[in-house]
Amino acid sequence: MGAARKKFTPQYRRDAAHLVIDTGRTIRAVAQEIGVGEQLLGRWVAAERARMEDPPAAVDINERAELERLRAENAQLRMDREFLKKAAAFFATENASSPTSRSQ
């Protein structure tokens, strides 16, 4: 026998849909984050947009490309920052353990 289907409250569906609508994140990313199927969340988003009187405009292709570029740049900058933090900690440890006066 199959697993029981999950039941989601109307408020939960609206809140999940607004995670996509209000933040501009992809349906895939939000669906993975909250643990629901992409198709299911997509239906919730479509229903919520239809219910809204003045839904926000969808992001056009140029804005989507810029958003993707900025997200990639942001990820790279985060990796660089983490590396620099580790390097700074390494050199701070090296300087603390080295003798203060060096013999010539």
Protein backbone atom coordinates (compact mmCIF):
# COMPACT_ATOMS: atom_id res chain seq x y z
CA MET A 1 0.00 0.00 0.00
CA GLY A 2 1.30 3.49 -0.86
CA ALA A 3 2.33 6.15 1.60
CA ALA A 4 -0.30 8.55 2.87
CA ARG A 5 -0.43 11.88 1.04
CA LYS A 6 0.64 14.95 2.95
CA LYS A 7 -2.04 17.54 3.61
CA PHE A 8 -1.05 21.20 3.46
CA THR A 9 -3.16 23.99 4.88
CA PRO A 10 -4.25 26.82 2.59
CA GLN A 11 -2.12 29.22 4.62
CA TYR A 12 0.97 27.02 4.16
CA ARG A 13 0.32 26.92 0.41
CA ARG A 14 0.01 30.71 0.22
CA ASP A 15 3.15 31.23 2.30
CA ALA A 16 5.13 28.78 0.14
CA ALA A 17 3.90 30.48 -3.04
CA HIS A 18 4.93 33.87 -1.68
CA LEU A 19 8.45 32.58 -1.05
CA VAL A 20 8.69 32.33 -4.83
CA ILE A 21 6.63 35.41 -5.75
CA ASP A 22 8.06 37.90 -3.26
CA THR A 23 11.72 36.86 -3.28
CA GLY A 24 12.16 36.08 -6.97
CA ARG A 25 13.74 32.72 -6.16
CA THR A 26 13.12 29.79 -8.45
CA ILE A 27 10.38 27.28 -7.82
CA ARG A 28 13.02 24.54 -7.82
CA ALA A 29 15.09 26.20 -5.07
CA VAL A 30 12.09 26.88 -2.84
CA ALA A 31 10.64 23.40 -3.42
CA GLN A 32 13.92 21.78 -2.37
CA GLU A 33 14.15 24.04 0.67
CA ILE A 34 10.68 23.29 2.00
CA GLY A 35 10.54 19.67 0.86
CA VAL A 36 7.68 19.65 -1.65
CA GLY A 37 7.57 18.70 -5.32
CA GLU A 38 8.34 21.31 -7.95
CA GLN A 39 5.10 20.68 -9.85
CA LEU A 40 3.05 20.99 -6.68
CA LEU A 41 4.71 24.27 -5.69
CA GLY A 42 4.34 25.50 -9.27
CA ARG A 43 0.59 24.93 -9.07
CA TRP A 44 0.44 26.80 -5.76
CA VAL A 45 2.37 29.74 -7.25
CA ALA A 46 0.12 29.86 -10.33
CA ALA A 47 -3.00 29.74 -8.16
CA GLU A 48 -1.70 32.48 -5.88
CA ARG A 49 -0.73 34.72 -8.79
CA ALA A 50 -4.21 34.22 -10.27
CA ARG A 51 -5.74 35.10 -6.91
CA MET A 52 -3.71 38.30 -6.50
CA GLU A 53 -5.23 41.52 -7.83
CA ASP A 54 -1.91 43.03 -8.92
CA PRO A 55 0.75 40.30 -9.09
CA PRO A 56 4.34 41.44 -9.44
CA ALA A 57 5.65 41.33 -12.97
CA ALA A 58 7.62 38.28 -13.90
CA VAL A 59 11.35 38.75 -14.26
CA ASP A 60 12.30 39.19 -17.91
CA ILE A 61 15.16 37.31 -19.56
CA ASN A 62 17.69 40.14 -19.07
CA GLU A 63 16.88 40.50 -15.39
CA ARG A 64 17.04 36.71 -14.96
CA ALA A 65 20.49 36.62 -16.61
CA GLU A 66 21.74 39.43 -14.39
CA LEU A 67 20.31 37.73 -11.32
CA GLU A 68 22.09 34.48 -12.19
CA ARG A 69 25.36 36.37 -12.81
CA LEU A 70 25.07 38.19 -9.49
CA ARG A 71 24.31 34.96 -7.64
CA ALA A 72 27.40 33.32 -9.15
CA GLU A 73 29.50 36.37 -8.26
CA ASN A 74 28.10 36.34 -4.73
CA ALA A 75 29.01 32.66 -4.33
CA GLN A 76 32.55 33.34 -5.57
CA LEU A 77 32.96 36.27 -3.18
CA ARG A 78 31.77 34.12 -0.28
CA MET A 79 34.35 31.46 -1.14
CA ASP A 80 37.07 34.13 -1.40
CA ARG A 81 36.08 35.57 1.97
CA GLU A 82 36.19 32.13 3.62
CA PHE A 83 39.65 31.52 2.15
CA LEU A 84 40.91 34.88 3.40
CA LYS A 85 39.51 34.23 6.87
CA LYS A 86 41.36 30.90 7.02
CA ALA A 87 44.56 32.49 5.70
CA ALA A 88 44.35 35.29 8.25
CA ALA A 89 43.84 32.79 11.06
CA PHE A 90 46.80 30.72 9.80
CA PHE A 91 49.15 33.71 9.69
CA ALA A 92 47.94 34.96 13.06
CA THR A 93 48.78 31.55 14.52
CA GLU A 94 52.17 31.53 12.77
CA ASN A 95 53.03 35.00 14.09
CA ALA A 96 51.94 34.13 17.60
CA SER A 97 54.08 30.98 17.72
CA SER A 98 57.22 32.49 16.15
CA PRO A 99 59.86 34.08 18.41
CA THR A 100 59.57 37.82 18.82
CA SER A 101 63.25 38.48 18.19
CA ARG A 102 65.19 36.81 15.45
CA SER A 103 68.87 36.04 15.67
CA GLN A 104 70.95 37.66 12.98
